[in-house]
PDB file of all heavy atoms in Angstrom:
ATOM      1  N   ARG A   1      -0.798 -10.420   4.183  1.00  0.00           N
ATOM      2  CA  ARG A   1      -0.412 -10.296   5.583  1.00  0.00           C
ATOM      3  C   ARG A   1      -0.759 -11.553   6.402  1.00  0.00           C
ATOM      4  O   ARG A   1      -0.019 -11.963   7.305  1.00  0.00           O
ATOM      5  CB  ARG A   1      -1.143  -9.071   6.192  1.00  0.00           C
ATOM      6  CG  ARG A   1      -0.582  -7.726   5.733  1.00  0.00           C
ATOM      7  CD  ARG A   1      -1.487  -6.613   6.133  1.00  0.00           C
ATOM      8  NE  ARG A   1      -1.677  -6.502   7.584  1.00  0.00           N
ATOM      9  CZ  ARG A   1      -1.051  -5.622   8.375  1.00  0.00           C
ATOM     10  NH1 ARG A   1      -0.216  -4.759   7.806  1.00  0.00           N
ATOM     11  NH2 ARG A   1      -1.269  -5.586   9.650  1.00  0.00           N
ATOM     12  N   GLY A   2      -1.897 -12.175   6.047  1.00  0.00           N
ATOM     13  CA  GLY A   2      -2.245 -13.409   6.761  1.00  0.00           C
ATOM     14  C   GLY A   2      -1.288 -14.552   6.549  1.00  0.00           C
ATOM     15  O   GLY A   2      -1.146 -15.381   7.411  1.00  0.00           O
ATOM     16  N   HIS A   3      -0.615 -14.512   5.426  1.00  0.00           N
ATOM     17  CA  HIS A   3       0.419 -15.520   5.138  1.00  0.00           C
ATOM     18  C   HIS A   3       1.827 -15.088   5.542  1.00  0.00           C
ATOM     19  O   HIS A   3       2.784 -15.826   5.334  1.00  0.00           O
ATOM     20  CB  HIS A   3       0.408 -15.859   3.634  1.00  0.00           C
ATOM     21  CG  HIS A   3      -0.738 -16.738   3.202  1.00  0.00           C
ATOM     22  ND1 HIS A   3      -0.680 -18.094   3.273  1.00  0.00           N
ATOM     23  CD2 HIS A   3      -1.997 -16.432   2.704  1.00  0.00           C
ATOM     24  CE1 HIS A   3      -1.823 -18.603   2.851  1.00  0.00           C
ATOM     25  NE2 HIS A   3      -2.623 -17.611   2.489  1.00  0.00           N
ATOM     26  N   GLY A   4       1.932 -13.897   6.096  1.00  0.00           N
ATOM     27  CA  GLY A   4       3.253 -13.423   6.586  1.00  0.00           C
ATOM     28  C   GLY A   4       4.182 -13.008   5.523  1.00  0.00           C
ATOM     29  O   GLY A   4       5.406 -12.979   5.722  1.00  0.00           O
ATOM     30  N   ILE A   5       3.666 -12.592   4.340  1.00  0.00           N
ATOM     31  CA  ILE A   5       4.539 -12.146   3.261  1.00  0.00           C
ATOM     32  C   ILE A   5       4.263 -10.642   2.988  1.00  0.00           C
ATOM     33  O   ILE A   5       3.086 -10.262   2.967  1.00  0.00           O
ATOM     34  CB  ILE A   5       4.353 -12.985   1.959  1.00  0.00           C
ATOM     35  CG1 ILE A   5       5.380 -12.589   0.889  1.00  0.00           C
ATOM     36  CG2 ILE A   5       2.969 -12.854   1.442  1.00  0.00           C
ATOM     37  CD1 ILE A   5       5.383 -13.500  -0.317  1.00  0.00           C
ATOM     38  N   PRO A   6       5.272  -9.856   2.866  1.00  0.00           N
ATOM     39  CA  PRO A   6       5.063  -8.421   2.585  1.00  0.00           C
ATOM     40  C   PRO A   6       4.362  -8.134   1.249  1.00  0.00           C
ATOM     41  O   PRO A   6       4.805  -8.706   0.245  1.00  0.00           O
ATOM     42  CB  PRO A   6       6.472  -7.814   2.609  1.00  0.00           C
ATOM     43  CG  PRO A   6       7.301  -8.828   3.355  1.00  0.00           C
ATOM     44  CD  PRO A   6       6.739 -10.147   2.993  1.00  0.00           C
ATOM     45  N   ALA A   7       3.334  -7.358   1.284  1.00  0.00           N
ATOM     46  CA  ALA A   7       2.709  -6.934   0.047  1.00  0.00           C
ATOM     47  C   ALA A   7       2.909  -5.441  -0.121  1.00  0.00           C
ATOM     48  O   ALA A   7       2.429  -4.618   0.719  1.00  0.00           O
ATOM     49  CB  ALA A   7       1.183  -7.257   0.131  1.00  0.00           C
ATOM     50  N   PHE A   8       3.635  -5.038  -1.149  1.00  0.00           N
ATOM     51  CA  PHE A   8       3.858  -3.689  -1.487  1.00  0.00           C
ATOM     52  C   PHE A   8       2.745  -3.291  -2.546  1.00  0.00           C
ATOM     53  O   PHE A   8       2.112  -4.152  -3.137  1.00  0.00           O
ATOM     54  CB  PHE A   8       5.188  -3.444  -2.133  1.00  0.00           C
ATOM     55  CG  PHE A   8       6.327  -3.580  -1.154  1.00  0.00           C
ATOM     56  CD1 PHE A   8       6.748  -4.821  -0.711  1.00  0.00           C
ATOM     57  CD2 PHE A   8       7.037  -2.485  -0.689  1.00  0.00           C
ATOM     58  CE1 PHE A   8       7.815  -4.969   0.218  1.00  0.00           C
ATOM     59  CE2 PHE A   8       8.095  -2.578   0.186  1.00  0.00           C
ATOM     60  CZ  PHE A   8       8.462  -3.824   0.655  1.00  0.00           C
ATOM     61  N   VAL A   9       2.585  -2.010  -2.737  1.00  0.00           N
ATOM     62  CA  VAL A   9       1.687  -1.527  -3.794  1.00  0.00           C
ATOM     63  C   VAL A   9       2.416  -0.529  -4.671  1.00  0.00           C
ATOM     64  O   VAL A   9       3.066   0.392  -4.124  1.00  0.00           O
ATOM     65  CB  VAL A   9       0.419  -0.843  -3.193  1.00  0.00           C
ATOM     66  CG1 VAL A   9      -0.404  -0.208  -4.281  1.00  0.00           C
ATOM     67  CG2 VAL A   9      -0.389  -1.844  -2.393  1.00  0.00           C
ATOM     68  N   ARG A  10       2.380  -0.740  -5.973  1.00  0.00           N
ATOM     69  CA  ARG A  10       2.843   0.287  -6.890  1.00  0.00           C
ATOM     70  C   ARG A  10       1.702   1.244  -7.139  1.00  0.00           C
ATOM     71  O   ARG A  10       0.660   0.857  -7.672  1.00  0.00           O
ATOM     72  CB  ARG A  10       3.383  -0.294  -8.223  1.00  0.00           C
ATOM     73  CG  ARG A  10       3.708   0.806  -9.186  1.00  0.00           C
ATOM     74  CD  ARG A  10       4.784   0.370 -10.214  1.00  0.00           C
ATOM     75  NE  ARG A  10       4.308  -0.628 -11.138  1.00  0.00           N
ATOM     76  CZ  ARG A  10       5.035  -1.057 -12.178  1.00  0.00           C
ATOM     77  NH1 ARG A  10       6.263  -0.616 -12.367  1.00  0.00           N
ATOM     78  NH2 ARG A  10       4.518  -2.005 -12.964  1.00  0.00           N
ATOM     79  N   THR A  11       1.882   2.450  -6.731  1.00  0.00           N
ATOM     80  CA  THR A  11       0.763   3.421  -6.782  1.00  0.00           C
ATOM     81  C   THR A  11       0.619   3.997  -8.179  1.00  0.00           C
ATOM     82  O   THR A  11       1.529   3.901  -9.035  1.00  0.00           O
ATOM     83  CB  THR A  11       1.036   4.562  -5.787  1.00  0.00           C
ATOM     84  OG1 THR A  11       2.278   5.253  -6.139  1.00  0.00           O
ATOM     85  CG2 THR A  11       1.124   4.043  -4.377  1.00  0.00           C
ATOM     86  N   ALA A  12      -0.531   4.642  -8.413  1.00  0.00           N
ATOM     87  CA  ALA A  12      -0.780   5.248  -9.704  1.00  0.00           C
ATOM     88  C   ALA A  12      -0.026   6.582  -9.825  1.00  0.00           C
ATOM     89  O   ALA A  12       0.169   7.041 -10.971  1.00  0.00           O
ATOM     90  CB  ALA A  12      -2.282   5.472  -9.916  1.00  0.00           C
ATOM     91  N   GLY A  13       0.264   7.221  -8.720  1.00  0.00           N
ATOM     92  CA  GLY A  13       0.955   8.516  -8.761  1.00  0.00           C
ATOM     93  C   GLY A  13       1.532   8.898  -7.414  1.00  0.00           C
ATOM     94  O   GLY A  13       1.716   8.022  -6.545  1.00  0.00           O
ATOM     95  N   HIS A  14       1.796  10.153  -7.242  1.00  0.00           N
ATOM     96  CA  HIS A  14       2.504  10.693  -6.060  1.00  0.00           C
ATOM     97  C   HIS A  14       1.554  11.329  -5.040  1.00  0.00           C
ATOM     98  O   HIS A  14       1.954  11.564  -3.897  1.00  0.00           O
ATOM     99  CB  HIS A  14       3.563  11.715  -6.438  1.00  0.00           C
ATOM    100  CG  HIS A  14       4.352  11.364  -7.643  1.00  0.00           C
ATOM    101  ND1 HIS A  14       4.442  12.191  -8.708  1.00  0.00           N
ATOM    102  CD2 HIS A  14       5.045  10.295  -7.958  1.00  0.00           C
ATOM    103  CE1 HIS A  14       5.181  11.627  -9.613  1.00  0.00           C
ATOM    104  NE2 HIS A  14       5.606  10.491  -9.189  1.00  0.00           N
ATOM    105  N   ALA A  15       0.386  11.680  -5.448  1.00  0.00           N
ATOM    106  CA  ALA A  15      -0.519  12.514  -4.577  1.00  0.00           C
ATOM    107  C   ALA A  15      -1.045  11.712  -3.426  1.00  0.00           C
ATOM    108  O   ALA A  15      -1.094  10.486  -3.451  1.00  0.00           O
ATOM    109  CB  ALA A  15      -1.669  13.040  -5.411  1.00  0.00           C
ATOM    110  N   PRO A  16      -1.497  12.406  -2.338  1.00  0.00           N
ATOM    111  CA  PRO A  16      -2.044  11.696  -1.193  1.00  0.00           C
ATOM    112  C   PRO A  16      -3.156  10.731  -1.528  1.00  0.00           C
ATOM    113  O   PRO A  16      -3.271   9.642  -0.997  1.00  0.00           O
ATOM    114  CB  PRO A  16      -2.561  12.868  -0.286  1.00  0.00           C
ATOM    115  CG  PRO A  16      -1.582  13.976  -0.599  1.00  0.00           C
ATOM    116  CD  PRO A  16      -1.351  13.835  -2.081  1.00  0.00           C
ATOM    117  N   ARG A  17      -4.032  11.129  -2.494  1.00  0.00           N
ATOM    118  CA  ARG A  17      -5.128  10.289  -2.859  1.00  0.00           C
ATOM    119  C   ARG A  17      -4.654   8.975  -3.525  1.00  0.00           C
ATOM    120  O   ARG A  17      -5.361   7.976  -3.571  1.00  0.00           O
ATOM    121  CB  ARG A  17      -6.075  10.992  -3.817  1.00  0.00           C
ATOM    122  CG  ARG A  17      -5.484  11.328  -5.207  1.00  0.00           C
ATOM    123  CD  ARG A  17      -6.491  11.966  -6.127  1.00  0.00           C
ATOM    124  NE  ARG A  17      -5.893  12.315  -7.416  1.00  0.00           N
ATOM    125  CZ  ARG A  17      -5.239  13.419  -7.697  1.00  0.00           C
ATOM    126  NH1 ARG A  17      -5.082  14.295  -6.745  1.00  0.00           N
ATOM    127  NH2 ARG A  17      -4.734  13.636  -8.880  1.00  0.00           N
ATOM    128  N   ASP A  18      -3.430   8.966  -4.071  1.00  0.00           N
ATOM    129  CA  ASP A  18      -2.869   7.809  -4.715  1.00  0.00           C
ATOM    130  C   ASP A  18      -2.271   6.828  -3.700  1.00  0.00           C
ATOM    131  O   ASP A  18      -2.285   5.632  -3.927  1.00  0.00           O
ATOM    132  CB  ASP A  18      -1.812   8.190  -5.688  1.00  0.00           C
ATOM    133  CG  ASP A  18      -2.279   9.029  -6.851  1.00  0.00           C
ATOM    134  OD1 ASP A  18      -3.373   8.692  -7.444  1.00  0.00           O
ATOM    135  OD2 ASP A  18      -1.621  10.010  -7.237  1.00  0.00           O
ATOM    136  N   VAL A  19      -1.756   7.361  -2.623  1.00  0.00           N
ATOM    137  CA  VAL A  19      -1.007   6.537  -1.662  1.00  0.00           C
ATOM    138  C   VAL A  19      -1.845   6.155  -0.433  1.00  0.00           C
ATOM    139  O   VAL A  19      -1.568   5.125   0.195  1.00  0.00           O
ATOM    140  CB  VAL A  19       0.286   7.243  -1.215  1.00  0.00           C
ATOM    141  CG1 VAL A  19       1.114   7.605  -2.454  1.00  0.00           C
ATOM    142  CG2 VAL A  19       0.022   8.449  -0.368  1.00  0.00           C
ATOM    143  N   GLN A  20      -2.812   6.997  -0.072  1.00  0.00           N
ATOM    144  CA  GLN A  20      -3.549   6.786   1.176  1.00  0.00           C
ATOM    145  C   GLN A  20      -4.226   5.423   1.300  1.00  0.00           C
ATOM    146  O   GLN A  20      -4.149   4.758   2.346  1.00  0.00           O
ATOM    147  CB  GLN A  20      -4.530   7.914   1.439  1.00  0.00           C
ATOM    148  CG  GLN A  20      -5.118   7.939   2.840  1.00  0.00           C
ATOM    149  CD  GLN A  20      -4.116   8.446   3.868  1.00  0.00           C
ATOM    150  OE1 GLN A  20      -3.539   9.528   3.709  1.00  0.00           O
ATOM    151  NE2 GLN A  20      -3.891   7.690   4.935  1.00  0.00           N
ATOM    152  N   PRO A  21      -4.998   4.966   0.260  1.00  0.00           N
ATOM    153  CA  PRO A  21      -5.702   3.679   0.369  1.00  0.00           C
ATOM    154  C   PRO A  21      -4.794   2.530   0.704  1.00  0.00           C
ATOM    155  O   PRO A  21      -5.101   1.665   1.540  1.00  0.00           O
ATOM    156  CB  PRO A  21      -6.385   3.514  -0.961  1.00  0.00           C
ATOM    157  CG  PRO A  21      -6.552   4.927  -1.465  1.00  0.00           C
ATOM    158  CD  PRO A  21      -5.337   5.676  -1.034  1.00  0.00           C
ATOM    159  N   ALA A  22      -3.634   2.459   0.012  1.00  0.00           N
ATOM    160  CA  ALA A  22      -2.702   1.337   0.287  1.00  0.00           C
ATOM    161  C   ALA A  22      -2.090   1.463   1.670  1.00  0.00           C
ATOM    162  O   ALA A  22      -1.912   0.404   2.344  1.00  0.00           O
ATOM    163  CB  ALA A  22      -1.580   1.393  -0.786  1.00  0.00           C
ATOM    164  N   LEU A  23      -1.757   2.635   2.117  1.00  0.00           N
ATOM    165  CA  LEU A  23      -1.171   2.805   3.445  1.00  0.00           C
ATOM    166  C   LEU A  23      -2.178   2.386   4.520  1.00  0.00           C
ATOM    167  O   LEU A  23      -1.856   1.717   5.504  1.00  0.00           O
ATOM    168  CB  LEU A  23      -0.712   4.259   3.654  1.00  0.00           C
ATOM    169  CG  LEU A  23       0.481   4.684   2.740  1.00  0.00           C
ATOM    170  CD1 LEU A  23       0.731   6.167   2.916  1.00  0.00           C
ATOM    171  CD2 LEU A  23       1.739   3.872   3.016  1.00  0.00           C
ATOM    172  N   ASP A  24      -3.422   2.889   4.386  1.00  0.00           N
ATOM    173  CA  ASP A  24      -4.468   2.520   5.351  1.00  0.00           C
ATOM    174  C   ASP A  24      -4.750   1.040   5.397  1.00  0.00           C
ATOM    175  O   ASP A  24      -5.080   0.464   6.438  1.00  0.00           O
ATOM    176  CB  ASP A  24      -5.744   3.324   5.073  1.00  0.00           C
ATOM    177  CG  ASP A  24      -5.675   4.778   5.497  1.00  0.00           C
ATOM    178  OD1 ASP A  24      -4.741   5.138   6.238  1.00  0.00           O
ATOM    179  OD2 ASP A  24      -6.562   5.508   5.029  1.00  0.00           O
ATOM    180  N   ALA A  25      -4.617   0.391   4.208  1.00  0.00           N
ATOM    181  CA  ALA A  25      -4.885  -1.043   4.125  1.00  0.00           C
ATOM    182  C   ALA A  25      -3.799  -1.910   4.712  1.00  0.00           C
ATOM    183  O   ALA A  25      -3.910  -3.116   4.784  1.00  0.00           O
ATOM    184  CB  ALA A  25      -5.166  -1.446   2.669  1.00  0.00           C
ATOM    185  N   GLY A  26      -2.673  -1.273   5.083  1.00  0.00           N
ATOM    186  CA  GLY A  26      -1.598  -2.021   5.751  1.00  0.00           C
ATOM    187  C   GLY A  26      -0.525  -2.541   4.805  1.00  0.00           C
ATOM    188  O   GLY A  26       0.156  -3.528   5.115  1.00  0.00           O
ATOM    189  N   ALA A  27      -0.319  -1.911   3.669  1.00  0.00           N
ATOM    190  CA  ALA A  27       0.731  -2.301   2.769  1.00  0.00           C
ATOM    191  C   ALA A  27       2.116  -2.217   3.481  1.00  0.00           C
ATOM    192  O   ALA A  27       2.323  -1.312   4.254  1.00  0.00           O
ATOM    193  CB  ALA A  27       0.764  -1.441   1.483  1.00  0.00           C
ATOM    194  N   ALA A  28       2.991  -3.125   3.153  1.00  0.00           N
ATOM    195  CA  ALA A  28       4.324  -3.137   3.730  1.00  0.00           C
ATOM    196  C   ALA A  28       5.163  -1.951   3.228  1.00  0.00           C
ATOM    197  O   ALA A  28       6.113  -1.516   3.841  1.00  0.00           O
ATOM    198  CB  ALA A  28       5.070  -4.418   3.393  1.00  0.00           C
ATOM    199  N   GLY A  29       4.763  -1.427   2.090  1.00  0.00           N
ATOM    200  CA  GLY A  29       5.433  -0.271   1.523  1.00  0.00           C
ATOM    201  C   GLY A  29       4.886   0.065   0.169  1.00  0.00           C
ATOM    202  O   GLY A  29       3.932  -0.587  -0.334  1.00  0.00           O
TER     203      GLY A  29
END
C-alpha cells in the first residue's frame, strides 16, 4: 500500500476466520 500497488491475498479457505485478517489489514481484495 505504501508503494501504491494493490496487494491481494489468496486465502486458505472460505470461512470468516480465513478472510477477516486480510480484510482488516487492508488487502485490495
